[in-house]
């Protein structure tokens, strides 16, 4: 391969590397919250499984039981919502917005009061197809899985932001 062609092939990689582009990875989990116990969801809940898988891939130990030395992430509620966005001229639904709203709170290992993490919302819009009505539940499950991934990422970023404001209680002046 001639040097000119090599340069042409390497140029896009150099441009991307030079601009500071970085693949999105898992957010850094505060060391103070390792290990953590997740409560408020069943062990087979899809959101619980997504969150535990993500935390474990980041090297965080998740506990099945509550422990005085562990932080607790409590899911207060996880709600599904669906609303009609548009209707055809024949008064039939053509678009839905499907959303999931998560409310959670964080309790630190020192046993202080719970820190609310606020409501987090992920949504998707999908077009209703009357000819494929049987596959509608499959589409909603697929959308729910995608929104669960979004919610777990938002939750980790929110925890990171909340913990960035708080210093460990044993820190000196």
Protein backbone atom coordinates (compact mmCIF):
# COMPACT_ATOMS: atom_id res chain seq x y z
CA UNK A 1 0.00 0.00 0.00
CA UNK A 2 1.44 3.36 -0.94
CA UNK A 3 2.16 6.00 1.72
CA UNK A 4 -0.47 8.38 0.36
CA UNK A 5 -3.22 5.81 0.78
CA UNK A 6 -2.07 4.95 4.32
CA UNK A 7 -2.23 8.61 5.24
CA UNK A 8 -5.74 8.88 3.81
CA UNK A 9 -6.87 5.88 5.86
CA UNK A 10 -5.20 7.12 9.05
CA UNK A 11 -6.46 10.71 8.75
CA UNK A 12 -10.02 10.08 10.08
CA UNK A 13 -8.65 8.21 13.10
CA UNK A 14 -6.20 11.02 13.83
CA UNK A 15 -8.95 13.63 13.53
CA UNK A 16 -11.25 11.77 15.91
CA UNK A 17 -8.44 11.18 18.41
CA UNK A 18 -7.32 14.79 18.20
CA UNK A 19 -10.74 16.28 18.87
CA UNK A 20 -11.07 14.60 22.28
CA UNK A 21 -13.73 12.11 21.20
CA UNK A 22 -14.13 9.32 23.71
CA UNK A 23 -16.50 6.36 23.67
CA UNK A 24 -19.17 6.63 26.32
CA UNK A 25 -18.41 4.22 29.11
CA UNK A 26 -20.06 3.48 32.42
CA UNK A 27 -20.16 6.47 34.77
CA UNK A 28 -17.71 6.34 37.67
CA UNK A 29 -19.46 4.98 40.73
CA UNK A 30 -18.44 6.70 43.98
CA UNK A 31 -16.17 4.42 46.04
CA UNK A 32 -18.12 5.39 49.16
CA UNK A 33 -21.14 3.55 47.76
CA UNK A 34 -19.40 0.23 47.25
CA UNK A 35 -20.92 -2.17 48.26
CA UNK A 36 -24.53 -1.23 47.66
CA UNK A 37 -27.88 -2.87 48.34
CA UNK A 38 -30.72 -2.18 45.89
CA UNK A 39 -34.21 -2.33 47.35
CA UNK A 40 -37.73 -1.64 46.16
CA UNK A 41 -37.65 -3.99 43.16
CA UNK A 42 -37.97 -7.73 42.74
CA UNK A 43 -34.86 -9.76 41.94
CA UNK A 44 -36.34 -10.66 38.53
CA UNK A 45 -37.46 -7.16 37.61
CA UNK A 46 -35.89 -6.20 34.24
CA UNK A 47 -34.78 -2.77 35.54
CA UNK A 48 -33.17 -4.37 38.61
CA UNK A 49 -31.28 -6.82 36.41
CA UNK A 50 -30.11 -4.04 34.07
CA UNK A 51 -28.91 -1.92 36.99
CA UNK A 52 -27.11 -4.77 38.78
CA UNK A 53 -25.43 -5.86 35.53
CA UNK A 54 -24.23 -2.32 34.89
CA UNK A 55 -22.92 -1.82 38.43
CA UNK A 56 -21.11 -5.14 38.45
CA UNK A 57 -19.48 -4.37 35.10
CA UNK A 58 -18.18 -1.16 36.72
CA UNK A 59 -16.67 -3.24 39.55
CA UNK A 60 -19.29 -2.38 42.19
CA UNK A 61 -20.36 -5.10 44.60
CA UNK A 62 -24.16 -5.42 44.87
CA UNK A 63 -25.61 -7.08 47.95
CA UNK A 64 -28.80 -9.14 48.11
CA UNK A 65 -29.31 -8.26 51.78
CA UNK A 66 -29.11 -4.96 53.61
CA UNK A 67 -25.93 -4.36 55.60
CA UNK A 68 -24.89 -1.55 57.99
CA UNK A 69 -21.64 -1.10 56.03
CA UNK A 70 -23.39 -0.80 52.67
CA UNK A 71 -25.16 2.06 50.97
CA UNK A 72 -28.76 1.51 49.92
CA UNK A 73 -30.37 2.55 46.67
CA UNK A 74 -34.12 2.38 47.17
CA UNK A 75 -36.43 2.51 44.18
CA UNK A 76 -39.51 4.35 45.41
CA UNK A 77 -41.46 3.84 42.19
CA UNK A 78 -41.02 2.78 38.58
CA UNK A 79 -44.08 3.62 36.49
CA UNK A 80 -45.00 3.01 32.88
CA UNK A 81 -47.02 5.64 31.10
CA UNK A 82 -48.54 5.62 27.65
CA UNK A 83 -50.27 8.52 25.95
CA UNK A 84 -51.69 9.12 22.52
CA UNK A 85 -49.71 11.57 20.41
CA UNK A 86 -51.65 11.60 17.17
CA UNK A 87 -54.86 10.29 15.67
CA UNK A 88 -55.71 9.60 12.02
CA UNK A 89 -58.61 11.19 10.17
CA UNK A 90 -60.58 8.00 10.84
CA UNK A 91 -60.21 8.61 14.61
CA UNK A 92 -57.67 5.81 15.06
CA UNK A 93 -54.51 6.13 17.08
CA UNK A 94 -51.41 6.43 14.90
CA UNK A 95 -48.69 7.37 17.43
CA UNK A 96 -48.05 6.67 21.09
CA UNK A 97 -45.51 7.99 23.54
CA UNK A 98 -44.36 5.26 25.89
CA UNK A 99 -42.43 6.42 28.97
CA UNK A 100 -41.00 5.10 32.23
CA UNK A 101 -40.58 7.29 35.29
CA UNK A 102 -38.20 6.29 38.07
CA UNK A 103 -38.12 7.79 41.54
CA UNK A 104 -35.33 6.67 43.84
CA UNK A 105 -33.43 7.68 46.94
CA UNK A 106 -29.97 6.97 48.24
CA UNK A 107 -29.03 6.16 51.82
CA UNK A 108 -25.34 6.43 52.67
CA UNK A 109 -23.54 3.79 54.77
CA UNK A 110 -23.33 6.21 57.73
CA UNK A 111 -27.09 5.82 58.19
CA UNK A 112 -28.01 9.45 57.58
CA UNK A 113 -31.21 10.60 55.97
CA UNK A 114 -32.11 9.44 52.49
CA UNK A 115 -31.05 11.66 49.60
CA UNK A 116 -33.81 11.98 46.99
CA UNK A 117 -32.53 11.45 43.47
CA UNK A 118 -35.57 13.10 41.89
CA UNK A 119 -37.77 11.71 39.16
CA UNK A 120 -35.96 10.40 36.09
CA UNK A 121 -37.89 9.94 32.86
CA UNK A 122 -37.13 8.09 29.63
CA UNK A 123 -39.54 8.02 26.72
CA UNK A 124 -39.93 6.67 23.21
CA UNK A 125 -42.41 7.41 20.46
CA UNK A 126 -43.73 4.63 18.28
CA UNK A 127 -46.15 4.41 15.41
CA UNK A 128 -49.09 2.10 15.92
CA UNK A 129 -49.63 -0.37 13.09
CA UNK A 130 -53.09 -1.98 13.18
CA UNK A 131 -51.91 -4.77 10.86
CA UNK A 132 -49.29 -5.79 13.42
CA UNK A 133 -51.42 -5.48 16.56
CA UNK A 134 -50.22 -8.86 17.85
CA UNK A 135 -46.63 -7.69 17.98
CA UNK A 136 -47.48 -4.51 19.90
CA UNK A 137 -46.62 -6.03 23.29
CA UNK A 138 -43.25 -7.21 21.90
CA UNK A 139 -42.53 -3.69 20.68
CA UNK A 140 -43.45 -2.24 24.08
CA UNK A 141 -41.14 -4.74 25.83
CA UNK A 142 -38.30 -3.80 23.49
CA UNK A 143 -38.92 -0.10 24.16
CA UNK A 144 -39.03 -0.80 27.93
CA UNK A 145 -35.62 -2.53 27.77
CA UNK A 146 -34.14 0.45 25.91
CA UNK A 147 -35.66 2.87 28.41
CA UNK A 148 -34.35 0.76 31.31
CA UNK A 149 -30.83 1.15 29.93
CA UNK A 150 -31.38 4.90 29.65
CA UNK A 151 -32.78 5.12 33.17
CA UNK A 152 -29.95 3.15 34.75
CA UNK A 153 -27.42 5.43 33.05
CA UNK A 154 -29.31 8.55 34.17
CA UNK A 155 -29.52 7.13 37.69
CA UNK A 156 -25.78 6.48 37.82
CA UNK A 157 -25.07 9.99 36.56
CA UNK A 158 -27.46 11.48 39.13
CA UNK A 159 -25.79 9.51 41.95
CA UNK A 160 -22.40 10.67 40.71
CA UNK A 161 -23.60 14.31 40.72
CA UNK A 162 -25.20 14.05 44.18
CA UNK A 163 -22.13 12.40 45.67
CA UNK A 164 -19.82 14.95 44.06
CA UNK A 165 -21.40 17.57 46.34
CA UNK A 166 -20.90 15.47 49.48
CA UNK A 167 -17.60 14.88 51.16
CA UNK A 168 -16.97 11.80 53.33
CA UNK A 169 -17.80 12.47 56.98
CA UNK A 170 -14.26 11.57 58.07
CA UNK A 171 -12.62 14.09 55.73
CA UNK A 172 -10.53 16.73 57.42
CA UNK A 173 -10.79 20.50 56.84
